[in-house]
C-alpha atoms as a PDB file:
ATOM      1  CA  MET A   1       0.001   0.015   0.094  1.00  0.00           C
ATOM      2  CA  ASN A   2       1.167   3.641  -0.730  1.00  0.00           C
ATOM      3  CA  ALA A   3       0.325   6.179   1.602  1.00  0.00           C
ATOM      4  CA  GLY A   4       0.574   9.961   1.349  1.00  0.00           C
ATOM      5  CA  ILE A   5       0.337  12.960   3.431  1.00  0.00           C
ATOM      6  CA  ILE A   6      -0.624  16.560   2.215  1.00  0.00           C
ATOM      7  CA  GLY A   7       0.259  19.488   4.508  1.00  0.00           C
ATOM      8  CA  LEU A   8       3.137  18.873   6.940  1.00  0.00           C
ATOM      9  CA  GLY A   9       3.045  22.340   8.729  1.00  0.00           C
ATOM     10  CA  SER A  10       0.690  21.725  11.455  1.00  0.00           C
ATOM     11  CA  GLN A  11       1.219  23.516  14.771  1.00  0.00           C
ATOM     12  CA  TYR A  12       0.773  20.287  16.355  1.00  0.00           C
ATOM     13  CA  GLY A  13       3.222  18.240  14.264  1.00  0.00           C
ATOM     14  CA  LEU A  14       0.422  16.082  12.750  1.00  0.00           C
ATOM     15  CA  GLY A  15       2.298  15.518   9.574  1.00  0.00           C
ATOM     16  CA  VAL A  16       5.276  14.104  11.497  1.00  0.00           C
ATOM     17  CA  LYS A  17       3.015  11.845  13.556  1.00  0.00           C
ATOM     18  CA  HIS A  18       1.171  10.538  10.528  1.00  0.00           C
ATOM     19  CA  ALA A  19       4.394   9.768   8.802  1.00  0.00           C
ATOM     20  CA  ALA A  20       5.680   7.994  11.749  1.00  0.00           C
ATOM     21  CA  VAL A  21       2.520   5.802  11.854  1.00  0.00           C
ATOM     22  CA  TYR A  22       2.813   5.066   8.142  1.00  0.00           C
ATOM     23  CA  ASP A  23       6.500   4.375   8.539  1.00  0.00           C
ATOM     24  CA  THR A  24       5.811   1.637  11.061  1.00  0.00           C
ATOM     25  CA  THR A  25       2.795   0.099   9.513  1.00  0.00           C
ATOM     26  CA  PRO A  26       3.830  -3.009   7.789  1.00  0.00           C
ATOM     27  CA  GLU A  27       1.135  -2.642   5.022  1.00  0.00           C
ATOM     28  CA  VAL A  28       2.545   0.579   3.900  1.00  0.00           C
ATOM     29  CA  ASP A  29       5.323   0.070   1.330  1.00  0.00           C
ATOM     30  CA  ARG A  30       5.946   3.752   0.235  1.00  0.00           C
ATOM     31  CA  ILE A  31       5.175   7.200   1.550  1.00  0.00           C
ATOM     32  CA  ALA A  32       4.638  10.314  -0.470  1.00  0.00           C
ATOM     33  CA  LEU A  33       4.927  13.646   1.314  1.00  0.00           C
ATOM     34  CA  CYS A  34       3.321  16.839  -0.306  1.00  0.00           C
ATOM     35  CA  ASP A  35       3.789  20.436   0.993  1.00  0.00           C
ATOM     36  CA  ILE A  36       4.246  23.624  -0.572  1.00  0.00           C
ATOM     37  CA  ARG A  37       7.383  24.071   1.318  1.00  0.00           C
ATOM     38  CA  ARG A  38       9.848  21.597   0.143  1.00  0.00           C
ATOM     39  CA  GLU A  39      12.100  21.936   3.210  1.00  0.00           C
ATOM     40  CA  ALA A  40       9.184  20.926   5.592  1.00  0.00           C
ATOM     41  CA  ALA A  41       8.704  17.568   3.489  1.00  0.00           C
ATOM     42  CA  GLU A  42      12.545  17.109   3.444  1.00  0.00           C
ATOM     43  CA  GLU A  43      12.677  17.479   7.097  1.00  0.00           C
ATOM     44  CA  VAL A  44      10.060  14.852   7.775  1.00  0.00           C
ATOM     45  CA  ALA A  45      11.332  12.557   5.088  1.00  0.00           C
ATOM     46  CA  ALA A  46      14.868  12.489   6.769  1.00  0.00           C
ATOM     47  CA  GLY A  47      13.320  10.751   9.716  1.00  0.00           C
ATOM     48  CA  LEU A  48      11.647   7.925   7.813  1.00  0.00           C
ATOM     49  CA  ARG A  49      12.945   4.486   6.966  1.00  0.00           C
ATOM     50  CA  LYS A  50      10.550   3.696   4.104  1.00  0.00           C
ATOM     51  CA  PRO A  51      11.033   4.895   0.631  1.00  0.00           C
ATOM     52  CA  THR A  52       9.775   8.525   0.491  1.00  0.00           C
ATOM     53  CA  THR A  53       8.953  10.750  -2.373  1.00  0.00           C
ATOM     54  CA  ILE A  54       8.441  14.713  -1.941  1.00  0.00           C
ATOM     55  CA  TYR A  55       6.035  16.709  -3.892  1.00  0.00           C
ATOM     56  CA  THR A  56       5.239  20.262  -3.735  1.00  0.00           C
ATOM     57  CA  SER A  57       2.076  20.136  -5.702  1.00  0.00           C
ATOM     58  CA  ILE A  58      -1.020  17.994  -5.233  1.00  0.00           C
ATOM     59  CA  ASP A  59      -1.371  17.728  -8.943  1.00  0.00           C
ATOM     60  CA  ASP A  60       2.064  16.234  -9.290  1.00  0.00           C
ATOM     61  CA  LEU A  61       1.139  13.881  -6.267  1.00  0.00           C
ATOM     62  CA  PHE A  62      -1.912  12.427  -7.634  1.00  0.00           C
ATOM     63  CA  SER A  63      -0.603  12.573 -11.289  1.00  0.00           C
ATOM     64  CA  THR A  64       2.748  10.836 -10.947  1.00  0.00           C
ATOM     65  CA  GLY A  65       2.136   8.115  -8.474  1.00  0.00           C
ATOM     66  CA  ARG A  66      -0.628   5.697  -7.372  1.00  0.00           C
ATOM     67  CA  LEU A  67      -1.650   6.325  -3.722  1.00  0.00           C
ATOM     68  CA  ASP A  68      -3.944   4.111  -1.749  1.00  0.00           C
ATOM     69  CA  VAL A  69      -4.727   6.413   0.918  1.00  0.00           C
ATOM     70  CA  VAL A  70      -3.841   9.873   1.884  1.00  0.00           C
ATOM     71  CA  SER A  71      -3.925  12.001   5.155  1.00  0.00           C
ATOM     72  CA  ILE A  72      -5.126  15.603   4.396  1.00  0.00           C
ATOM     73  CA  LEU A  73      -3.751  17.986   7.128  1.00  0.00           C
ATOM     74  CA  THR A  74      -3.968  21.272   5.484  1.00  0.00           C
ATOM     75  CA  PRO A  75      -5.790  24.348   6.603  1.00  0.00           C
ATOM     76  CA  ASP A  76      -9.429  23.977   6.642  1.00  0.00           C
ATOM     77  CA  HIS A  77     -10.296  26.341   3.832  1.00  0.00           C
ATOM     78  CA  LEU A  78      -8.229  24.054   1.640  1.00  0.00           C
ATOM     79  CA  HIS A  79      -9.984  20.772   2.447  1.00  0.00           C
ATOM     80  CA  ARG A  80     -12.561  20.798  -0.284  1.00  0.00           C
ATOM     81  CA  MET A  81     -10.118  21.244  -3.070  1.00  0.00           C
ATOM     82  CA  HIS A  82      -7.690  18.700  -1.715  1.00  0.00           C
ATOM     83  CA  THR A  83     -10.264  16.240  -0.930  1.00  0.00           C
ATOM     84  CA  GLU A  84     -11.897  16.446  -4.233  1.00  0.00           C
ATOM     85  CA  ALA A  85      -8.534  16.027  -5.944  1.00  0.00           C
ATOM     86  CA  ALA A  86      -7.941  12.903  -3.792  1.00  0.00           C
ATOM     87  CA  CYS A  87     -11.490  11.672  -4.798  1.00  0.00           C
ATOM     88  CA  ALA A  88     -10.686  12.286  -8.600  1.00  0.00           C
ATOM     89  CA  ALA A  89      -7.575  10.114  -8.189  1.00  0.00           C
ATOM     90  CA  GLY A  90      -9.622   7.370  -6.616  1.00  0.00           C
ATOM     91  CA  VAL A  91      -7.577   7.649  -3.277  1.00  0.00           C
ATOM     92  CA  HIS A  92      -8.992   6.851   0.285  1.00  0.00           C
ATOM     93  CA  ILE A  93      -8.975   9.860   2.611  1.00  0.00           C
ATOM     94  CA  LEU A  94      -8.291  10.601   6.320  1.00  0.00           C
ATOM     95  CA  LEU A  95      -9.154  14.308   6.696  1.00  0.00           C
ATOM     96  CA  THR A  96      -8.314  16.329   9.625  1.00  0.00           C
ATOM     97  CA  LYS A  97     -11.083  18.222  11.363  1.00  0.00           C
ATOM     98  CA  PRO A  98     -13.174  20.086  10.823  1.00  0.00           C
ATOM     99  CA  ILE A  99     -14.286  18.624   7.758  1.00  0.00           C
ATOM    100  CA  ALA A 100     -14.729  22.177   6.238  1.00  0.00           C
ATOM    101  CA  PRO A 101     -15.370  25.713   7.106  1.00  0.00           C
ATOM    102  CA  THR A 102     -18.791  25.859   5.725  1.00  0.00           C
ATOM    103  CA  LEU A 103     -21.780  23.545   5.476  1.00  0.00           C
ATOM    104  CA  PRO A 104     -21.870  23.598   1.597  1.00  0.00           C
ATOM    105  CA  ASP A 105     -18.080  22.654   1.369  1.00  0.00           C
ATOM    106  CA  ALA A 106     -18.714  19.809   3.948  1.00  0.00           C
ATOM    107  CA  ARG A 107     -21.685  18.475   1.716  1.00  0.00           C
ATOM    108  CA  ALA A 108     -19.552  18.695  -1.352  1.00  0.00           C
ATOM    109  CA  ILE A 109     -16.747  16.730   0.245  1.00  0.00           C
ATOM    110  CA  VAL A 110     -19.103  13.960   1.350  1.00  0.00           C
ATOM    111  CA  ALA A 111     -20.717  13.914  -2.099  1.00  0.00           C
ATOM    112  CA  SER A 112     -17.299  13.803  -3.784  1.00  0.00           C
ATOM    113  CA  ALA A 113     -16.224  10.770  -1.766  1.00  0.00           C
ATOM    114  CA  ARG A 114     -19.473   9.045  -2.365  1.00  0.00           C
ATOM    115  CA  LYS A 115     -19.366   9.619  -6.074  1.00  0.00           C
ATOM    116  CA  ALA A 116     -15.934   8.520  -6.232  1.00  0.00           C
ATOM    117  CA  GLY A 117     -16.449   5.294  -4.062  1.00  0.00           C
ATOM    118  CA  VAL A 118     -13.536   6.120  -1.754  1.00  0.00           C
ATOM    119  CA  HIS A 119     -13.535   5.932   2.120  1.00  0.00           C
ATOM    120  CA  LEU A 120     -13.511   9.261   3.805  1.00  0.00           C
ATOM    121  CA  MET A 121     -12.696   9.390   7.622  1.00  0.00           C
ATOM    122  CA  ILE A 122     -12.589  12.578   9.588  1.00  0.00           C
ATOM    123  CA  HIS A 123      -9.511  12.577  11.878  1.00  0.00           C
ATOM    124  CA  GLN A 124     -10.612  13.233  15.437  1.00  0.00           C
ATOM    125  CA  GLU A 125      -7.562  12.407  17.305  1.00  0.00           C
ATOM    126  CA  ARG A 126      -8.622  12.950  20.818  1.00  0.00           C
ATOM    127  CA  ARG A 127     -11.134   9.932  20.547  1.00  0.00           C
ATOM    128  CA  PHE A 128      -7.969   7.769  20.556  1.00  0.00           C
ATOM    129  CA  GLN A 129      -6.389   9.374  23.691  1.00  0.00           C
ATOM    130  CA  SER A 130      -6.399   7.084  26.744  1.00  0.00           C
ATOM    131  CA  ILE A 131      -7.897   9.899  29.051  1.00  0.00           C
ATOM    132  CA  TYR A 132     -11.078  10.172  26.955  1.00  0.00           C
ATOM    133  CA  ALA A 133     -11.241   6.387  26.370  1.00  0.00           C
ATOM    134  CA  ARG A 134     -10.926   5.901  30.237  1.00  0.00           C
ATOM    135  CA  ALA A 135     -13.760   8.537  30.949  1.00  0.00           C
ATOM    136  CA  LYS A 136     -15.971   6.763  28.479  1.00  0.00           C
ATOM    137  CA  GLU A 137     -15.431   3.629  30.065  1.00  0.00           C
ATOM    138  CA  LEU A 138     -16.122   4.919  33.621  1.00  0.00           C
ATOM    139  CA  ILE A 139     -19.485   6.449  32.405  1.00  0.00           C
ATOM    140  CA  ALA A 140     -20.488   3.175  30.500  1.00  0.00           C
ATOM    141  CA  SER A 141     -19.625   1.093  33.646  1.00  0.00           C
ATOM    142  CA  GLY A 142     -22.388   2.849  35.760  1.00  0.00           C
ATOM    143  CA  ARG A 143     -19.795   3.412  38.581  1.00  0.00           C
ATOM    144  CA  LEU A 144     -20.328   7.101  38.515  1.00  0.00           C
ATOM    145  CA  GLY A 145     -24.031   6.793  38.656  1.00  0.00           C
ATOM    146  CA  GLU A 146     -26.418   8.510  36.223  1.00  0.00           C
ATOM    147  CA  ILE A 147     -24.660  11.260  34.392  1.00  0.00           C
ATOM    148  CA  ALA A 148     -26.729  14.376  34.072  1.00  0.00           C
ATOM    149  CA  TYR A 149     -24.192  16.990  32.662  1.00  0.00           C
ATOM    150  CA  VAL A 150     -20.625  16.986  31.716  1.00  0.00           C
ATOM    151  CA  GLY A 151     -18.660  20.137  31.421  1.00  0.00           C
ATOM    152  CA  ILE A 152     -15.166  20.371  29.982  1.00  0.00           C
ATOM    153  CA  THR A 153     -12.723  23.494  30.128  1.00  0.00           C
ATOM    154  CA  GLU A 154      -9.451  23.305  28.456  1.00  0.00           C
ATOM    155  CA  LEU A 155      -7.210  26.254  28.666  1.00  0.00           C
ATOM    156  CA  TYR A 156      -3.685  25.505  27.259  1.00  0.00           C
ATOM    157  CA  GLN A 157      -1.108  27.800  26.341  1.00  0.00           C
ATOM    158  CA  TYR A 158      -0.945  26.222  22.883  1.00  0.00           C
ATOM    159  CA  VAL A 159      -4.468  27.470  22.242  1.00  0.00           C
ATOM    160  CA  ARG A 160      -3.239  30.868  22.501  1.00  0.00           C
ATOM    161  CA  GLU A 161       0.001  30.060  20.537  1.00  0.00           C
ATOM    162  CA  LYS A 162      -1.933  28.258  17.801  1.00  0.00           C
ATOM    163  CA  PHE A 163      -3.043  31.675  16.157  1.00  0.00           C
ATOM    164  CA  ALA A 164       0.621  32.779  16.161  1.00  0.00           C
ATOM    165  CA  ASN A 165       1.904  29.464  14.787  1.00  0.00           C
ATOM    166  CA  ALA A 166      -0.636  29.076  11.985  1.00  0.00           C
ATOM    167  CA  PRO A 167      -1.371  32.616  10.574  1.00  0.00           C
ATOM    168  CA  TRP A 168      -4.254  31.048   8.384  1.00  0.00           C
ATOM    169  CA  TYR A 169      -5.938  29.931  11.614  1.00  0.00           C
ATOM    170  CA  ALA A 170      -7.614  33.204  12.548  1.00  0.00           C
ATOM    171  CA  THR A 171      -8.303  34.573   8.981  1.00  0.00           C
ATOM    172  CA  ARG A 172     -11.959  35.152   7.673  1.00  0.00           C
ATOM    173  CA  GLU A 173     -11.044  32.840   4.756  1.00  0.00           C
ATOM    174  CA  SER A 174     -10.261  29.931   7.017  1.00  0.00           C
ATOM    175  CA  GLY A 175     -13.734  29.919   8.861  1.00  0.00           C
ATOM    176  CA  ARG A 176     -11.963  28.510  11.789  1.00  0.00           C
ATOM    177  CA  THR A 177     -13.170  29.257  15.218  1.00  0.00           C
ATOM    178  CA  MET A 178     -12.621  27.742  18.661  1.00  0.00           C
ATOM    179  CA  VAL A 179     -16.016  26.017  18.370  1.00  0.00           C
ATOM    180  CA  THR A 180     -15.151  24.337  14.859  1.00  0.00           C
ATOM    181  CA  GLY A 181     -11.541  23.925  15.708  1.00  0.00           C
ATOM    182  CA  SER A 182     -11.666  22.493  19.265  1.00  0.00           C
ATOM    183  CA  GLY A 183     -15.273  22.391  20.176  1.00  0.00           C
ATOM    184  CA  VAL A 184     -15.919  19.442  17.956  1.00  0.00           C
ATOM    185  CA  HIS A 185     -13.860  17.176  20.241  1.00  0.00           C
END
């Protein structure tokens, strides 16, 4: 299986994390990295053991090599364009959340995946974190009694820093808000 990653500049290092998983997954033979900043892709590729190809254009990524799956980790306002390109190439998609900044874009993404017959999964990384899995387990066990309300407050320094580390994050074009960016968890 050939795996690709589009967008390596996440303030959380998602591209590095996805590359590491693909690099250690026995079913993955080759990895393709795509970022408009070649140096970002080269930096990630330097840490991988599997054969890796670097692209700076999604058009080149999809036209020159056959991918089976792609992680799309780009800014939200680019999700539709990148997902539709993956669908057109017949590639299965793991798309970082939120699916899109607007409902019409989200609907178009889902329709594109259905039409192409590819699997589309929204990457909700926190659902796999042990603290949330344990909370779910405790609630489901009934050990805590009947739950009537759950409130969660997260104030991290990185929440403040994300705007500085990813200038696209706070633009009108991105459509990103704290609700769509973090509240979806």
